[in-house]
Amino acid sequence: KACMAIALRYSATRLTAGPSGKSDFPILGYQLQQHALIPLLAKTYMYDIALKQIQAMYAKFTLPGRDIYTVSHREIVMMCCAIKLSQAGTSTPPPLSVANRFGPAIAGSHSSMT
């Protein structure tokens, strides 16, 4: 999520040649940039929401005195496998896609965060 925030903030503030011919148009204003970043942003938040739902299910499962019919171990394992498979099915992880999109301007951001 942090990498996507950096990429979107950079795209919104980095100015490039616009209709007037001057550097007064943000990169994010171009559809090419929007079509590259917005799907990655949607995937990032979709995975985050799914992971939080699985964490909540696991928390319910591990509570002592829980209702036996709320959630089963099998359901938790199936959800974990499904999210792992869907994340592995993407061709390129979002941080790498963003780094490739911006090159050296943003590639160092990940190494400075970790």
PDB file of N, CA and C in Angstrom:
ATOM      1  N   LYS A   1       0.825  -1.182   0.000  1.00  0.00           N
ATOM      2  CA  LYS A   1       0.000   0.000   0.000  1.00  0.00           C
ATOM      3  C   LYS A   1       0.871   1.249   0.000  1.00  0.00           C
ATOM      4  N   ALA A   2       1.979   1.183   0.716  1.00  0.00           N
ATOM      5  CA  ALA A   2       2.859   2.346   0.778  1.00  0.00           C
ATOM      6  C   ALA A   2       3.464   2.649  -0.589  1.00  0.00           C
ATOM      7  N   CYS A   3       3.833   1.607  -1.293  1.00  0.00           N
ATOM      8  CA  CYS A   3       4.414   1.790  -2.630  1.00  0.00           C
ATOM      9  C   CYS A   3       3.383   2.415  -3.577  1.00  0.00           C
ATOM     10  N   MET A   4       2.143   1.968  -3.477  1.00  0.00           N
ATOM     11  CA  MET A   4       1.096   2.547  -4.321  1.00  0.00           C
ATOM     12  C   MET A   4       0.844   4.005  -3.955  1.00  0.00           C
ATOM     13  N   ALA A   5       0.886   4.328  -2.666  1.00  0.00           N
ATOM     14  CA  ALA A   5       0.690   5.709  -2.239  1.00  0.00           C
ATOM     15  C   ALA A   5       1.801   6.603  -2.789  1.00  0.00           C
ATOM     16  N   ILE A   6       3.020   6.111  -2.749  1.00  0.00           N
ATOM     17  CA  ILE A   6       4.149   6.871  -3.287  1.00  0.00           C
ATOM     18  C   ILE A   6       3.976   7.073  -4.785  1.00  0.00           C
ATOM     19  N   ALA A   7       3.598   6.024  -5.487  1.00  0.00           N
ATOM     20  CA  ALA A   7       3.443   6.117  -6.947  1.00  0.00           C
ATOM     21  C   ALA A   7       2.330   7.085  -7.330  1.00  0.00           C
ATOM     22  N   LEU A   8       1.204   7.008  -6.635  1.00  0.00           N
ATOM     23  CA  LEU A   8       0.091   7.904  -6.948  1.00  0.00           C
ATOM     24  C   LEU A   8       0.417   9.355  -6.597  1.00  0.00           C
ATOM     25  N   ARG A   9       1.072   9.556  -5.467  1.00  0.00           N
ATOM     26  CA  ARG A   9       1.452  10.916  -5.074  1.00  0.00           C
ATOM     27  C   ARG A   9       2.451  11.494  -6.080  1.00  0.00           C
ATOM     28  N   TYR A  10       3.401  10.677  -6.490  1.00  0.00           N
ATOM     29  CA  TYR A  10       4.389  11.125  -7.480  1.00  0.00           C
ATOM     30  C   TYR A  10       3.700  11.454  -8.806  1.00  0.00           C
ATOM     31  N   SER A  11       2.783  10.607  -9.238  1.00  0.00           N
ATOM     32  CA  SER A  11       2.069  10.843 -10.499  1.00  0.00           C
ATOM     33  C   SER A  11       1.221  12.099 -10.442  1.00  0.00           C
ATOM     34  N   ALA A  12       0.658  12.379  -9.285  1.00  0.00           N
ATOM     35  CA  ALA A  12      -0.205  13.543  -9.145  1.00  0.00           C
ATOM     36  C   ALA A  12       0.590  14.841  -9.079  1.00  0.00           C
ATOM     37  N   THR A  13       1.830  14.776  -8.585  1.00  0.00           N
ATOM     38  CA  THR A  13       2.614  16.013  -8.419  1.00  0.00           C
ATOM     39  C   THR A  13       3.639  16.233  -9.522  1.00  0.00           C
ATOM     40  N   ARG A  14       4.069  15.179 -10.178  1.00  0.00           N
ATOM     41  CA  ARG A  14       5.065  15.312 -11.255  1.00  0.00           C
ATOM     42  C   ARG A  14       4.397  15.918 -12.475  1.00  0.00           C
ATOM     43  N   LEU A  15       4.909  17.057 -12.905  1.00  0.00           N
ATOM     44  CA  LEU A  15       4.323  17.763 -14.043  1.00  0.00           C
ATOM     45  C   LEU A  15       5.059  17.434 -15.327  1.00  0.00           C
ATOM     46  N   THR A  16       4.317  17.374 -16.388  1.00  0.00           N
ATOM     47  CA  THR A  16       4.870  17.096 -17.704  1.00  0.00           C
ATOM     48  C   THR A  16       4.202  18.017 -18.714  1.00  0.00           C
ATOM     49  N   ALA A  17       4.648  17.961 -19.940  1.00  0.00           N
ATOM     50  CA  ALA A  17       4.090  18.833 -20.977  1.00  0.00           C
ATOM     51  C   ALA A  17       2.612  18.522 -21.191  1.00  0.00           C
ATOM     52  N   GLY A  18       1.811  19.566 -21.099  1.00  0.00           N
ATOM     53  CA  GLY A  18       0.375  19.407 -21.267  1.00  0.00           C
ATOM     54  C   GLY A  18      -0.109  20.034 -22.556  1.00  0.00           C
ATOM     55  N   PRO A  19      -1.399  20.280 -22.636  1.00  0.00           N
ATOM     56  CA  PRO A  19      -1.979  20.863 -23.845  1.00  0.00           C
ATOM     57  C   PRO A  19      -1.401  22.247 -24.189  1.00  0.00           C
ATOM     58  N   SER A  20      -0.975  22.982 -23.170  1.00  0.00           N
ATOM     59  CA  SER A  20      -0.428  24.321 -23.428  1.00  0.00           C
ATOM     60  C   SER A  20       1.011  24.271 -23.917  1.00  0.00           C
ATOM     61  N   GLY A  21       1.645  23.110 -23.821  1.00  0.00           N
ATOM     62  CA  GLY A  21       3.038  22.983 -24.242  1.00  0.00           C
ATOM     63  C   GLY A  21       4.020  23.238 -23.123  1.00  0.00           C
ATOM     64  N   LYS A  22       3.532  23.634 -21.963  1.00  0.00           N
ATOM     65  CA  LYS A  22       4.392  23.880 -20.807  1.00  0.00           C
ATOM     66  C   LYS A  22       4.279  22.705 -19.834  1.00  0.00           C
ATOM     67  N   SER A  23       5.201  22.654 -18.912  1.00  0.00           N
ATOM     68  CA  SER A  23       5.174  21.601 -17.889  1.00  0.00           C
ATOM     69  C   SER A  23       4.180  21.989 -16.796  1.00  0.00           C
ATOM     70  N   ASP A  24       2.919  21.851 -17.092  1.00  0.00           N
ATOM     71  CA  ASP A  24       1.890  22.224 -16.132  1.00  0.00           C
ATOM     72  C   ASP A  24       0.779  21.170 -16.021  1.00  0.00           C
ATOM     73  N   PHE A  25       1.038  19.973 -16.492  1.00  0.00           N
ATOM     74  CA  PHE A  25       0.023  18.912 -16.516  1.00  0.00           C
ATOM     75  C   PHE A  25       0.563  17.707 -15.751  1.00  0.00           C
ATOM     76  N   PRO A  26      -0.157  17.216 -14.716  1.00  0.00           N
ATOM     77  CA  PRO A  26       0.340  16.063 -13.953  1.00  0.00           C
ATOM     78  C   PRO A  26       0.324  14.781 -14.789  1.00  0.00           C
ATOM     79  N   ILE A  27       1.285  13.920 -14.524  1.00  0.00           N
ATOM     80  CA  ILE A  27       1.371  12.644 -15.243  1.00  0.00           C
ATOM     81  C   ILE A  27       0.094  11.835 -15.040  1.00  0.00           C
ATOM     82  N   LEU A  28      -0.500  11.926 -13.862  1.00  0.00           N
ATOM     83  CA  LEU A  28      -1.707  11.168 -13.563  1.00  0.00           C
ATOM     84  C   LEU A  28      -2.885  11.614 -14.416  1.00  0.00           C
ATOM     85  N   GLY A  29      -2.782  12.749 -15.040  1.00  0.00           N
ATOM     86  CA  GLY A  29      -3.834  13.226 -15.924  1.00  0.00           C
ATOM     87  C   GLY A  29      -3.927  12.449 -17.223  1.00  0.00           C
ATOM     88  N   TYR A  30      -2.882  11.733 -17.577  1.00  0.00           N
ATOM     89  CA  TYR A  30      -2.887  10.930 -18.805  1.00  0.00           C
ATOM     90  C   TYR A  30      -3.557   9.584 -18.554  1.00  0.00           C
ATOM     91  N   GLN A  31      -4.405   9.168 -19.496  1.00  0.00           N
ATOM     92  CA  GLN A  31      -5.102   7.890 -19.335  1.00  0.00           C
ATOM     93  C   GLN A  31      -4.142   6.711 -19.286  1.00  0.00           C
ATOM     94  N   LEU A  32      -3.043   6.790 -19.989  1.00  0.00           N
ATOM     95  CA  LEU A  32      -2.066   5.700 -19.970  1.00  0.00           C
ATOM     96  C   LEU A  32      -1.586   5.447 -18.545  1.00  0.00           C
ATOM     97  N   GLN A  33      -1.303   6.516 -17.829  1.00  0.00           N
ATOM     98  CA  GLN A  33      -0.850   6.402 -16.445  1.00  0.00           C
ATOM     99  C   GLN A  33      -1.985   5.898 -15.544  1.00  0.00           C
ATOM    100  N   GLN A  34      -3.178   6.397 -15.763  1.00  0.00           N
ATOM    101  CA  GLN A  34      -4.324   5.957 -14.965  1.00  0.00           C
ATOM    102  C   GLN A  34      -4.594   4.469 -15.183  1.00  0.00           C
ATOM    103  N   HIS A  35      -4.534   4.032 -16.434  1.00  0.00           N
ATOM    104  CA  HIS A  35      -4.791   2.620 -16.739  1.00  0.00           C
ATOM    105  C   HIS A  35      -3.687   1.714 -16.207  1.00  0.00           C
ATOM    106  N   ALA A  36      -2.516   2.257 -15.964  1.00  0.00           N
ATOM    107  CA  ALA A  36      -1.429   1.456 -15.400  1.00  0.00           C
ATOM    108  C   ALA A  36      -1.522   1.374 -13.872  1.00  0.00           C
ATOM    109  N   LEU A  37      -1.918   2.461 -13.212  1.00  0.00           N
ATOM    110  CA  LEU A  37      -1.876   2.495 -11.755  1.00  0.00           C
ATOM    111  C   LEU A  37      -3.190   2.126 -11.068  1.00  0.00           C
ATOM    112  N   ILE A  38      -4.308   2.536 -11.600  1.00  0.00           N
ATOM    113  CA  ILE A  38      -5.581   2.321 -10.908  1.00  0.00           C
ATOM    114  C   ILE A  38      -5.910   0.827 -10.738  1.00  0.00           C
ATOM    115  N   PRO A  39      -5.697  -0.034 -11.744  1.00  0.00           N
ATOM    116  CA  PRO A  39      -5.934  -1.469 -11.494  1.00  0.00           C
ATOM    117  C   PRO A  39      -5.020  -2.043 -10.403  1.00  0.00           C
ATOM    118  N   LEU A  40      -3.787  -1.574 -10.337  1.00  0.00           N
ATOM    119  CA  LEU A  40      -2.883  -2.036  -9.279  1.00  0.00           C
ATOM    120  C   LEU A  40      -3.376  -1.573  -7.916  1.00  0.00           C
ATOM    121  N   LEU A  41      -3.898  -0.354  -7.858  1.00  0.00           N
ATOM    122  CA  LEU A  41      -4.453   0.158  -6.610  1.00  0.00           C
ATOM    123  C   LEU A  41      -5.669  -0.671  -6.185  1.00  0.00           C
ATOM    124  N   ALA A  42      -6.522  -0.992  -7.131  1.00  0.00           N
ATOM    125  CA  ALA A  42      -7.712  -1.801  -6.825  1.00  0.00           C
ATOM    126  C   ALA A  42      -7.310  -3.193  -6.326  1.00  0.00           C
ATOM    127  N   LYS A  43      -6.329  -3.821  -6.976  1.00  0.00           N
ATOM    128  CA  LYS A  43      -5.865  -5.140  -6.539  1.00  0.00           C
ATOM    129  C   LYS A  43      -5.277  -5.072  -5.133  1.00  0.00           C
ATOM    130  N   THR A  44      -4.500  -4.030  -4.873  1.00  0.00           N
ATOM    131  CA  THR A  44      -3.867  -3.885  -3.571  1.00  0.00           C
ATOM    132  C   THR A  44      -4.902  -3.810  -2.465  1.00  0.00           C
ATOM    133  N   TYR A  45      -5.927  -2.993  -2.661  1.00  0.00           N
ATOM    134  CA  TYR A  45      -6.950  -2.861  -1.627  1.00  0.00           C
ATOM    135  C   TYR A  45      -7.857  -4.084  -1.560  1.00  0.00           C
ATOM    136  N   MET A  46      -8.091  -4.743  -2.670  1.00  0.00           N
ATOM    137  CA  MET A  46      -8.895  -5.964  -2.651  1.00  0.00           C
ATOM    138  C   MET A  46      -8.190  -7.044  -1.826  1.00  0.00           C
ATOM    139  N   TYR A  47      -6.889  -7.196  -2.032  1.00  0.00           N
ATOM    140  CA  TYR A  47      -6.141  -8.181  -1.257  1.00  0.00           C
ATOM    141  C   TYR A  47      -6.096  -7.799   0.215  1.00  0.00           C
ATOM    142  N   ASP A  48      -5.994  -6.513   0.508  1.00  0.00           N
ATOM    143  CA  ASP A  48      -5.956  -6.059   1.891  1.00  0.00           C
ATOM    144  C   ASP A  48      -7.283  -6.352   2.593  1.00  0.00           C
ATOM    145  N   ILE A  49      -8.393  -6.079   1.928  1.00  0.00           N
ATOM    146  CA  ILE A  49      -9.711  -6.348   2.510  1.00  0.00           C
ATOM    147  C   ILE A  49      -9.905  -7.842   2.722  1.00  0.00           C
ATOM    148  N   ALA A  50      -9.509  -8.650   1.743  1.00  0.00           N
ATOM    149  CA  ALA A  50      -9.647 -10.107   1.871  1.00  0.00           C
ATOM    150  C   ALA A  50      -8.788 -10.636   3.017  1.00  0.00           C
ATOM    151  N   LEU A  51      -7.572 -10.127   3.139  1.00  0.00           N
ATOM    152  CA  LEU A  51      -6.688 -10.575   4.214  1.00  0.00           C
ATOM    153  C   LEU A  51      -7.259 -10.212   5.579  1.00  0.00           C
ATOM    154  N   LYS A  52      -7.819  -9.017   5.698  1.00  0.00           N
ATOM    155  CA  LYS A  52      -8.419  -8.622   6.988  1.00  0.00           C
ATOM    156  C   LYS A  52      -9.629  -9.488   7.324  1.00  0.00           C
ATOM    157  N   GLN A  53     -10.386  -9.881   6.310  1.00  0.00           N
ATOM    158  CA  GLN A  53     -11.529 -10.758   6.549  1.00  0.00           C
ATOM    159  C   GLN A  53     -11.046 -12.132   7.032  1.00  0.00           C
ATOM    160  N   ILE A  54      -9.995 -12.645   6.421  1.00  0.00           N
ATOM    161  CA  ILE A  54      -9.442 -13.937   6.851  1.00  0.00           C
ATOM    162  C   ILE A  54      -8.890 -13.830   8.266  1.00  0.00           C
ATOM    163  N   GLN A  55      -8.242 -12.728   8.586  1.00  0.00           N
ATOM    164  CA  GLN A  55      -7.720 -12.539   9.944  1.00  0.00           C
ATOM    165  C   GLN A  55      -8.855 -12.506  10.966  1.00  0.00           C
ATOM    166  N   ALA A  56      -9.963 -11.850  10.617  1.00  0.00           N
ATOM    167  CA  ALA A  56     -11.113 -11.804  11.521  1.00  0.00           C
ATOM    168  C   ALA A  56     -11.711 -13.198  11.700  1.00  0.00           C
ATOM    169  N   MET A  57     -11.781 -13.972  10.619  1.00  0.00           N
ATOM    170  CA  MET A  57     -12.296 -15.342  10.718  1.00  0.00           C
ATOM    171  C   MET A  57     -11.387 -16.182  11.614  1.00  0.00           C
ATOM    172  N   TYR A  58     -10.084 -16.025  11.479  1.00  0.00           N
ATOM    173  CA  TYR A  58      -9.144 -16.775  12.297  1.00  0.00           C
ATOM    174  C   TYR A  58      -9.255 -16.366  13.766  1.00  0.00           C
ATOM    175  N   ALA A  59      -9.445 -15.072  13.997  1.00  0.00           N
ATOM    176  CA  ALA A  59      -9.598 -14.604  15.379  1.00  0.00           C
ATOM    177  C   ALA A  59     -10.838 -15.218  16.016  1.00  0.00           C
ATOM    178  N   LYS A  60     -11.930 -15.316  15.249  1.00  0.00           N
ATOM    179  CA  LYS A  60     -13.139 -15.963  15.775  1.00  0.00           C
ATOM    180  C   LYS A  60     -12.889 -17.441  16.049  1.00  0.00           C
ATOM    181  N   PHE A  61     -12.102 -18.070  15.192  1.00  0.00           N
ATOM    182  CA  PHE A  61     -11.829 -19.497  15.314  1.00  0.00           C
ATOM    183  C   PHE A  61     -11.002 -19.795  16.562  1.00  0.00           C
ATOM    184  N   THR A  62     -10.082 -18.912  16.927  1.00  0.00           N
ATOM    185  CA  THR A  62      -9.175 -19.182  18.042  1.00  0.00           C
ATOM    186  C   THR A  62      -9.711 -18.715  19.390  1.00  0.00           C
ATOM    187  N   LEU A  63     -10.890 -18.085  19.423  1.00  0.00           N
ATOM    188  CA  LEU A  63     -11.454 -17.658  20.703  1.00  0.00           C
ATOM    189  C   LEU A  63     -11.853 -18.857  21.542  1.00  0.00           C
ATOM    190  N   PRO A  64     -11.516 -18.842  22.827  1.00  0.00           N
ATOM    191  CA  PRO A  64     -11.983 -19.942  23.675  1.00  0.00           C
ATOM    192  C   PRO A  64     -13.492 -19.816  23.892  1.00  0.00           C
ATOM    193  N   GLY A  65     -14.172 -20.936  23.906  1.00  0.00           N
ATOM    194  CA  GLY A  65     -15.614 -20.946  24.102  1.00  0.00           C
ATOM    195  C   GLY A  65     -16.390 -20.432  22.901  1.00  0.00           C
ATOM    196  N   ARG A  66     -15.784 -20.519  21.733  1.00  0.00           N
ATOM    197  CA  ARG A  66     -16.437 -20.014  20.516  1.00  0.00           C
ATOM    198  C   ARG A  66     -17.585 -20.926  20.123  1.00  0.00           C
ATOM    199  N   ASP A  67     -18.492 -20.372  19.337  1.00  0.00           N
ATOM    200  CA  ASP A  67     -19.581 -21.169  18.784  1.00  0.00           C
ATOM    201  C   ASP A  67     -18.989 -22.058  17.690  1.00  0.00           C
ATOM    202  N   ILE A  68     -19.205 -23.341  17.781  1.00  0.00           N
ATOM    203  CA  ILE A  68     -18.565 -24.286  16.864  1.00  0.00           C
ATOM    204  C   ILE A  68     -19.019 -24.103  15.417  1.00  0.00           C
ATOM    205  N   TYR A  69     -20.155 -23.472  15.200  1.00  0.00           N
ATOM    206  CA  TYR A  69     -20.682 -23.331  13.842  1.00  0.00           C
ATOM    207  C   TYR A  69     -20.344 -21.992  13.188  1.00  0.00           C
ATOM    208  N   THR A  70     -19.609 -21.112  13.853  1.00  0.00           N
ATOM    209  CA  THR A  70     -19.303 -19.810  13.255  1.00  0.00           C
ATOM    210  C   THR A  70     -18.359 -19.949  12.072  1.00  0.00           C
ATOM    211  N   VAL A  71     -17.261 -20.640  12.257  1.00  0.00           N
ATOM    212  CA  VAL A  71     -16.279 -20.802  11.187  1.00  0.00           C
ATOM    213  C   VAL A  71     -15.491 -22.082  11.437  1.00  0.00           C
ATOM    214  N   SER A  72     -15.120 -22.767  10.379  1.00  0.00           N
ATOM    215  CA  SER A  72     -14.368 -24.009  10.543  1.00  0.00           C
ATOM    216  C   SER A  72     -12.927 -23.815  10.079  1.00  0.00           C
ATOM    217  N   HIS A  73     -12.090 -24.704  10.535  1.00  0.00           N
ATOM    218  CA  HIS A  73     -10.685 -24.670  10.133  1.00  0.00           C
ATOM    219  C   HIS A  73     -10.569 -24.841   8.621  1.00  0.00           C
ATOM    220  N   ARG A  74     -11.388 -25.702   8.069  1.00  0.00           N
ATOM    221  CA  ARG A  74     -11.364 -25.951   6.620  1.00  0.00           C
ATOM    222  C   ARG A  74     -11.658 -24.666   5.840  1.00  0.00           C
ATOM    223  N   GLU A  75     -12.635 -23.871   6.286  1.00  0.00           N
ATOM    224  CA  GLU A  75     -12.959 -22.619   5.602  1.00  0.00           C
ATOM    225  C   GLU A  75     -11.796 -21.635   5.638  1.00  0.00           C
ATOM    226  N   ILE A  76     -11.122 -21.563   6.785  1.00  0.00           N
ATOM    227  CA  ILE A  76      -9.975 -20.657   6.909  1.00  0.00           C
ATOM    228  C   ILE A  76      -8.858 -21.088   5.965  1.00  0.00           C
ATOM    229  N   VAL A  77      -8.566 -22.369   5.928  1.00  0.00           N
ATOM    230  CA  VAL A  77      -7.518 -22.876   5.034  1.00  0.00           C
ATOM    231  C   VAL A  77      -7.890 -22.623   3.575  1.00  0.00           C
ATOM    232  N   MET A  78      -9.157 -22.835   3.225  1.00  0.00           N
ATOM    233  CA  MET A  78      -9.590 -22.593   1.837  1.00  0.00           C
ATOM    234  C   MET A  78      -9.443 -21.121   1.465  1.00  0.00           C
ATOM    235  N   MET A  79      -9.800 -20.223   2.377  1.00  0.00           N
ATOM    236  CA  MET A  79      -9.657 -18.790   2.103  1.00  0.00           C
ATOM    237  C   MET A  79      -8.183 -18.404   1.943  1.00  0.00           C
ATOM    238  N   CYS A  80      -7.326 -18.950   2.794  1.00  0.00           N
ATOM    239  CA  CYS A  80      -5.888 -18.662   2.684  1.00  0.00           C
ATOM    240  C   CYS A  80      -5.332 -19.174   1.357  1.00  0.00           C
ATOM    241  N   CYS A  81      -5.735 -20.361   0.962  1.00  0.00           N
ATOM    242  CA  CYS A  81      -5.270 -20.922  -0.315  1.00  0.00           C
ATOM    243  C   CYS A  81      -5.785 -20.097  -1.491  1.00  0.00           C
ATOM    244  N   ALA A  82      -7.028 -19.639  -1.407  1.00  0.00           N
ATOM    245  CA  ALA A  82      -7.601 -18.857  -2.500  1.00  0.00           C
ATOM    246  C   ALA A  82      -6.894 -17.523  -2.661  1.00  0.00           C
ATOM    247  N   ILE A  83      -6.616 -16.847  -1.551  1.00  0.00           N
ATOM    248  CA  ILE A  83      -5.961 -15.545  -1.668  1.00  0.00           C
ATOM    249  C   ILE A  83      -4.509 -15.723  -2.109  1.00  0.00           C
ATOM    250  N   LYS A  84      -3.872 -16.794  -1.652  1.00  0.00           N
ATOM    251  CA  LYS A  84      -2.494 -17.045  -2.080  1.00  0.00           C
ATOM    252  C   LYS A  84      -2.444 -17.338  -3.576  1.00  0.00           C
ATOM    253  N   LEU A  85      -3.385 -18.136  -4.043  1.00  0.00           N
ATOM    254  CA  LEU A  85      -3.429 -18.473  -5.460  1.00  0.00           C
ATOM    255  C   LEU A  85      -3.722 -17.236  -6.313  1.00  0.00           C
ATOM    256  N   SER A  86      -4.636 -16.390  -5.864  1.00  0.00           N
ATOM    257  CA  SER A  86      -4.961 -15.205  -6.658  1.00  0.00           C
ATOM    258  C   SER A  86      -3.807 -14.212  -6.671  1.00  0.00           C
ATOM    259  N   GLN A  87      -3.067 -14.106  -5.575  1.00  0.00           N
ATOM    260  CA  GLN A  87      -1.910 -13.216  -5.560  1.00  0.00           C
ATOM    261  C   GLN A  87      -0.779 -13.793  -6.406  1.00  0.00           C
ATOM    262  N   ALA A  88      -0.610 -15.089  -6.377  1.00  0.00           N
ATOM    263  CA  ALA A  88       0.449 -15.711  -7.171  1.00  0.00           C
ATOM    264  C   ALA A  88       0.112 -15.683  -8.654  1.00  0.00           C
ATOM    265  N   GLY A  89      -1.178 -15.581  -8.974  1.00  0.00           N
ATOM    266  CA  GLY A  89      -1.608 -15.566 -10.365  1.00  0.00           C
ATOM    267  C   GLY A  89      -1.339 -14.260 -11.086  1.00  0.00           C
ATOM    268  N   THR A  90      -1.052 -13.200 -10.334  1.00  0.00           N
ATOM    269  CA  THR A  90      -0.739 -11.933 -10.994  1.00  0.00           C
ATOM    270  C   THR A  90       0.633 -12.034 -11.620  1.00  0.00           C
ATOM    271  N   SER A  91       0.798 -11.433 -12.758  1.00  0.00           N
ATOM    272  CA  SER A  91       2.059 -11.569 -13.492  1.00  0.00           C
ATOM    273  C   SER A  91       3.216 -10.876 -12.787  1.00  0.00           C
ATOM    274  N   THR A  92       2.983  -9.710 -12.244  1.00  0.00           N
ATOM    275  CA  THR A  92       4.032  -8.951 -11.580  1.00  0.00           C
ATOM    276  C   THR A  92       3.483  -8.367 -10.292  1.00  0.00           C
ATOM    277  N   PRO A  93       4.205  -8.502  -9.187  1.00  0.00           N
ATOM    278  CA  PRO A  93       3.714  -7.901  -7.948  1.00  0.00           C
ATOM    279  C   PRO A  93       3.609  -6.378  -8.092  1.00  0.00           C
ATOM    280  N   PRO A  94       2.585  -5.752  -7.478  1.00  0.00           N
ATOM    281  CA  PRO A  94       2.395  -4.311  -7.637  1.00  0.00           C
ATOM    282  C   PRO A  94       3.622  -3.451  -7.327  1.00  0.00           C
ATOM    283  N   PRO A  95       4.387  -3.711  -6.234  1.00  0.00           N
ATOM    284  CA  PRO A  95       5.546  -2.844  -6.015  1.00  0.00           C
ATOM    285  C   PRO A  95       6.558  -2.889  -7.164  1.00  0.00           C
ATOM    286  N   LEU A  96       6.771  -4.073  -7.738  1.00  0.00           N
ATOM    287  CA  LEU A  96       7.704  -4.184  -8.851  1.00  0.00           C
ATOM    288  C   LEU A  96       7.154  -3.502 -10.091  1.00  0.00           C
ATOM    289  N   SER A  97       5.845  -3.615 -10.329  1.00  0.00           N
ATOM    290  CA  SER A  97       5.231  -2.946 -11.471  1.00  0.00           C
ATOM    291  C   SER A  97       5.374  -1.445 -11.359  1.00  0.00           C
ATOM    292  N   VAL A  98       5.149  -0.926 -10.160  1.00  0.00           N
ATOM    293  CA  VAL A  98       5.266   0.515  -9.952  1.00  0.00           C
ATOM    294  C   VAL A  98       6.715   0.959 -10.124  1.00  0.00           C
ATOM    295  N   ALA A  99       7.653   0.175  -9.589  1.00  0.00           N
ATOM    296  CA  ALA A  99       9.060   0.526  -9.728  1.00  0.00           C
ATOM    297  C   ALA A  99       9.484   0.501 -11.192  1.00  0.00           C
ATOM    298  N   ASN A 100       9.002  -0.485 -11.949  1.00  0.00           N
ATOM    299  CA  ASN A 100       9.319  -0.535 -13.372  1.00  0.00           C
ATOM    300  C   ASN A 100       8.690   0.622 -14.125  1.00  0.00           C
ATOM    301  N   ARG A 101       7.523   1.053 -13.675  1.00  0.00           N
ATOM    302  CA  ARG A 101       6.804   2.139 -14.348  1.00  0.00           C
ATOM    303  C   ARG A 101       7.561   3.452 -14.219  1.00  0.00           C
ATOM    304  N   PHE A 102       8.120   3.725 -13.042  1.00  0.00           N
ATOM    305  CA  PHE A 102       8.779   5.006 -12.797  1.00  0.00           C
ATOM    306  C   PHE A 102      10.290   4.951 -12.882  1.00  0.00           C
ATOM    307  N   GLY A 103      10.840   3.767 -12.954  1.00  0.00           N
ATOM    308  CA  GLY A 103      12.288   3.654 -13.076  1.00  0.00           C
ATOM    309  C   GLY A 103      13.015   4.134 -11.834  1.00  0.00           C
ATOM    310  N   PRO A 104      14.144   4.802 -12.014  1.00  0.00           N
ATOM    311  CA  PRO A 104      14.960   5.182 -10.870  1.00  0.00           C
ATOM    312  C   PRO A 104      14.315   6.245  -9.980  1.00  0.00           C
ATOM    313  N   ALA A 105      13.287   6.937 -10.471  1.00  0.00           N
ATOM    314  CA  ALA A 105      12.665   7.984  -9.662  1.00  0.00           C
ATOM    315  C   ALA A 105      11.980   7.425  -8.430  1.00  0.00           C
ATOM    316  N   ILE A 106      11.492   6.174  -8.510  1.00  0.00           N
ATOM    317  CA  ILE A 106      10.754   5.615  -7.386  1.00  0.00           C
ATOM    318  C   ILE A 106      11.308   4.256  -6.949  1.00  0.00           C
ATOM    319  N   ALA A 107      12.193   3.677  -7.694  1.00  0.00           N
ATOM    320  CA  ALA A 107      12.690   2.326  -7.396  1.00  0.00           C
ATOM    321  C   ALA A 107      13.373   2.247  -6.052  1.00  0.00           C
ATOM    322  N   GLY A 108      14.042   3.310  -5.616  1.00  0.00           N
ATOM    323  CA  GLY A 108      14.718   3.296  -4.342  1.00  0.00           C
ATOM    324  C   GLY A 108      13.804   3.415  -3.157  1.00  0.00           C
ATOM    325  N   SER A 109      12.539   3.717  -3.365  1.00  0.00           N
ATOM    326  CA  SER A 109      11.616   3.921  -2.246  1.00  0.00           C
ATOM    327  C   SER A 109      11.439   2.668  -1.423  1.00  0.00           C
ATOM    328  N   HIS A 110      11.349   1.504  -2.077  1.00  0.00           N
ATOM    329  CA  HIS A 110      11.139   0.261  -1.347  1.00  0.00           C
ATOM    330  C   HIS A 110      12.338  -0.040  -0.449  1.00  0.00           C
ATOM    331  N   SER A 111      13.537   0.148  -0.958  1.00  0.00           N
ATOM    332  CA  SER A 111      14.718  -0.169  -0.158  1.00  0.00           C
ATOM    333  C   SER A 111      14.858   0.800   1.011  1.00  0.00           C
ATOM    334  N   SER A 112      14.362   2.009   0.878  1.00  0.00           N
ATOM    335  CA  SER A 112      14.469   2.944   1.979  1.00  0.00           C
ATOM    336  C   SER A 112      13.410   2.683   3.055  1.00  0.00           C
ATOM    337  N   MET A 113      12.318   1.987   2.666  1.00  0.00           N
ATOM    338  CA  MET A 113      11.262   1.680   3.642  1.00  0.00           C
ATOM    339  C   MET A 113      11.608   0.457   4.460  1.00  0.00           C
ATOM    340  N   THR A 114      12.372  -0.482   3.917  1.00  0.00           N
ATOM    341  CA  THR A 114      12.645  -1.731   4.644  1.00  0.00           C
ATOM    342  C   THR A 114      13.963  -1.692   5.347  1.00  0.00           C
TER     343      THR A 114
END
